[in-house]
Protein backbone atom coordinates (compact mmCIF):
# COMPACT_ATOMS: atom_id res chain seq x y z
CA MET A 1 0.00 0.00 0.00
CA TYR A 2 1.25 3.46 -0.88
CA TYR A 3 0.71 6.54 1.27
CA THR A 4 1.28 10.25 1.52
CA PHE A 5 0.14 13.17 3.64
CA THR A 6 -1.76 16.30 2.73
CA SER A 7 -2.47 19.40 4.78
CA SER A 8 -6.00 20.53 5.53
CA PRO A 9 -7.75 23.04 7.79
CA ILE A 10 -8.57 20.17 10.17
CA GLY A 11 -5.01 18.91 10.33
CA GLN A 12 -2.74 16.70 8.33
CA LEU A 13 -4.52 13.86 6.51
CA LEU A 14 -3.02 10.48 5.70
CA LEU A 15 -3.93 9.23 2.21
CA ALA A 16 -3.30 5.57 1.38
CA GLY A 17 -4.15 3.11 -1.34
CA SER A 18 -2.89 1.53 -4.50
CA ALA A 19 -1.67 3.29 -7.62
CA ASP A 20 -5.25 2.99 -8.90
CA ALA A 21 -7.60 3.60 -5.96
CA LEU A 22 -7.84 5.42 -2.64
CA ARG A 23 -8.42 3.12 0.35
CA VAL A 24 -7.75 5.28 3.42
CA VAL A 25 -8.13 8.87 4.57
CA GLY A 26 -6.79 9.13 8.10
CA PHE A 27 -6.78 11.90 10.67
CA ALA A 28 -3.66 12.90 12.59
CA HIS A 29 -5.78 13.52 15.71
CA GLY A 30 -8.97 12.24 17.28
CA LYS A 31 -10.09 8.87 18.52
CA LYS A 32 -9.53 7.27 15.11
CA ALA A 33 -6.12 8.80 14.37
CA ARG A 34 -4.29 6.85 11.67
CA ARG A 35 -0.61 6.43 10.96
CA ALA A 36 1.18 4.82 8.04
CA GLU A 37 1.48 1.12 8.79
CA THR A 38 4.55 -1.07 8.68
CA GLY A 39 5.18 -2.17 5.13
CA TRP A 40 3.46 0.80 3.51
CA GLU A 41 5.58 2.75 1.04
CA ARG A 42 5.69 6.54 0.88
CA TYR A 43 4.77 7.51 -2.69
CA ASP A 44 3.09 10.84 -3.39
CA GLU A 45 2.24 10.49 -7.09
CA PRO A 46 -0.96 8.39 -6.86
CA PHE A 47 -2.53 10.90 -4.47
CA LYS A 48 -2.07 14.19 -6.34
CA LYS A 49 -5.64 14.11 -7.68
CA THR A 50 -7.02 13.32 -4.21
CA ALA A 51 -5.02 16.12 -2.59
CA ARG A 52 -6.18 18.59 -5.28
CA GLN A 53 -9.82 17.61 -4.85
CA LEU A 54 -9.55 17.85 -1.05
CA ASN A 55 -8.05 21.35 -1.40
CA GLU A 56 -10.95 22.30 -3.69
CA TYR A 57 -13.42 20.88 -1.15
CA PHE A 58 -11.89 22.84 1.72
CA SER A 59 -11.88 26.04 -0.34
CA GLY A 60 -15.59 25.56 -1.09
CA ASP A 61 -15.03 24.92 -4.80
CA ARG A 62 -15.90 21.20 -4.80
CA GLN A 63 -19.04 19.48 -3.56
CA GLU A 64 -18.51 15.99 -4.98
CA PHE A 65 -15.36 13.93 -5.25
CA GLU A 66 -14.45 12.18 -8.49
CA LEU A 67 -12.00 9.56 -7.33
CA ASP A 68 -11.51 5.82 -7.69
CA LEU A 69 -12.23 4.35 -4.26
CA ALA A 70 -11.60 0.88 -2.83
CA PRO A 71 -12.87 0.85 0.77
CA ASP A 72 -12.54 -2.36 2.75
CA GLY A 73 -15.46 -3.69 4.74
CA THR A 74 -18.11 -6.32 5.10
CA THR A 75 -21.02 -6.40 2.68
CA PHE A 76 -23.12 -4.48 5.21
CA GLN A 77 -20.39 -1.88 5.81
CA VAL A 78 -20.02 -1.30 2.06
CA GLU A 79 -23.82 -0.90 1.77
CA VAL A 80 -23.69 1.75 4.51
CA LEU A 81 -20.79 3.51 2.78
CA GLU A 82 -22.79 3.62 -0.44
CA ALA A 83 -25.76 5.10 1.43
CA LEU A 84 -23.47 7.74 2.97
CA ARG A 85 -22.34 8.74 -0.52
CA GLY A 86 -25.96 9.60 -1.26
CA ILE A 87 -26.20 12.29 1.42
CA PRO A 88 -26.18 15.60 -0.46
CA TYR A 89 -23.52 18.22 0.21
CA GLY A 90 -24.62 20.64 2.92
CA GLU A 91 -27.30 18.30 4.28
CA THR A 92 -27.42 15.90 7.20
CA CYS A 93 -29.36 12.79 8.07
CA THR A 94 -29.61 10.44 11.04
CA TYR A 95 -28.32 6.95 11.63
CA GLY A 96 -31.95 5.84 11.42
CA ASP A 97 -32.22 7.39 7.95
CA ILE A 98 -29.19 5.41 6.81
CA ALA A 99 -30.53 2.20 8.39
CA ALA A 100 -33.76 2.68 6.45
CA ALA A 101 -31.82 3.44 3.26
CA VAL A 102 -29.99 0.09 3.46
CA GLY A 103 -33.23 -1.76 4.16
CA ARG A 104 -32.54 -2.50 7.83
CA PRO A 105 -34.53 0.12 9.75
CA THR A 106 -33.85 -1.47 13.15
CA ALA A 107 -30.08 -1.71 12.62
CA VAL A 108 -29.33 1.82 13.83
CA ARG A 109 -26.50 0.70 16.11
CA ALA A 110 -24.94 -1.45 13.39
CA VAL A 111 -25.13 1.53 11.03
CA GLY A 112 -23.37 3.64 13.67
CA ASN A 113 -20.60 1.05 13.92
CA ALA A 114 -20.23 0.83 10.13
CA ASN A 115 -20.22 4.63 9.92
CA GLY A 116 -17.47 4.73 12.54
CA ARG A 117 -15.37 2.29 10.51
CA ASN A 118 -15.54 4.41 7.36
CA PRO A 119 -12.00 4.21 5.95
CA LEU A 120 -12.58 7.24 3.69
CA PRO A 121 -14.02 10.04 5.85
CA ILE A 122 -14.68 13.35 4.10
CA ILE A 123 -14.61 11.60 0.70
CA ILE A 124 -17.43 9.30 1.87
CA PRO A 125 -19.26 11.88 4.00
CA CYS A 126 -19.88 10.15 7.34
CA HIS A 127 -19.62 13.60 8.94
CA ARG A 128 -23.10 14.34 7.54
CA VAL A 129 -24.70 11.78 9.86
CA ILE A 130 -26.01 13.22 13.13
CA GLY A 131 -27.93 11.93 16.11
CA SER A 132 -31.71 11.61 16.07
CA ASP A 133 -31.87 14.61 18.41
CA GLY A 134 -29.93 16.72 15.90
CA GLY A 135 -26.76 16.61 17.99
CA LEU A 136 -23.29 15.94 16.68
CA THR A 137 -22.16 12.44 17.52
CA GLY A 138 -18.78 10.79 17.32
CA PHE A 139 -16.39 11.37 14.46
CA GLY A 140 -12.97 9.82 13.92
CA GLY A 141 -11.32 13.22 13.52
CA GLY A 142 -13.09 14.61 16.62
CA ILE A 143 -16.31 16.56 17.09
CA GLU A 144 -14.63 19.88 16.30
CA ALA A 145 -13.49 18.55 12.92
CA LYS A 146 -17.04 17.30 12.24
CA ARG A 147 -18.46 20.69 13.18
CA TYR A 148 -15.92 22.39 10.92
CA LEU A 149 -16.88 20.19 7.93
CA LEU A 150 -20.61 20.73 8.42
CA GLU A 151 -20.18 24.50 8.80
CA LEU A 152 -17.90 24.59 5.74
CA GLU A 153 -20.58 22.88 3.67
CA GLN A 154 -23.32 25.15 5.01
CA ARG A 155 -21.30 28.23 4.03
CA HIS A 156 -20.76 26.98 0.49
CA CYS A 157 -24.04 25.19 -0.16
CA VAL A 158 -26.09 26.91 -2.84
CA PRO A 159 -29.76 25.95 -2.52
CA PHE A 160 -31.77 25.30 -5.65
CA ALA A 161 -34.00 28.21 -6.69
């Protein structure tokens, strides 16, 4: 697996994957902080497009990522990740909404666990999932990073006329 780092307003991000697809976006801080693993090779070239699109996202110029992704996970986790990709920029939904979207309306806790295991945060927007009471719930990069991402999207979201 190749990796590199890119700077962002929420701290340095670890990017990892193959020459063809992104597999990991990791935070430097927070409860799910990620580091390059033993055996990974530092190689910046495959991640230039990802870094550019992340910079565009953080500047408010990009609302959707156009990247080849290869997230690991169980069949259920991948279904949840696909449902997360359907949450529009600047909007939020609940874990219950995602559970319903994957056809398992009572699996709210399992959806929360799958959401928490998202290997591609920001790119696959798990930060857009909030608690049923509207409160911000856990996020691998920390609640302040989640708040930052949601506020960023609210500032740059252009509603349809």
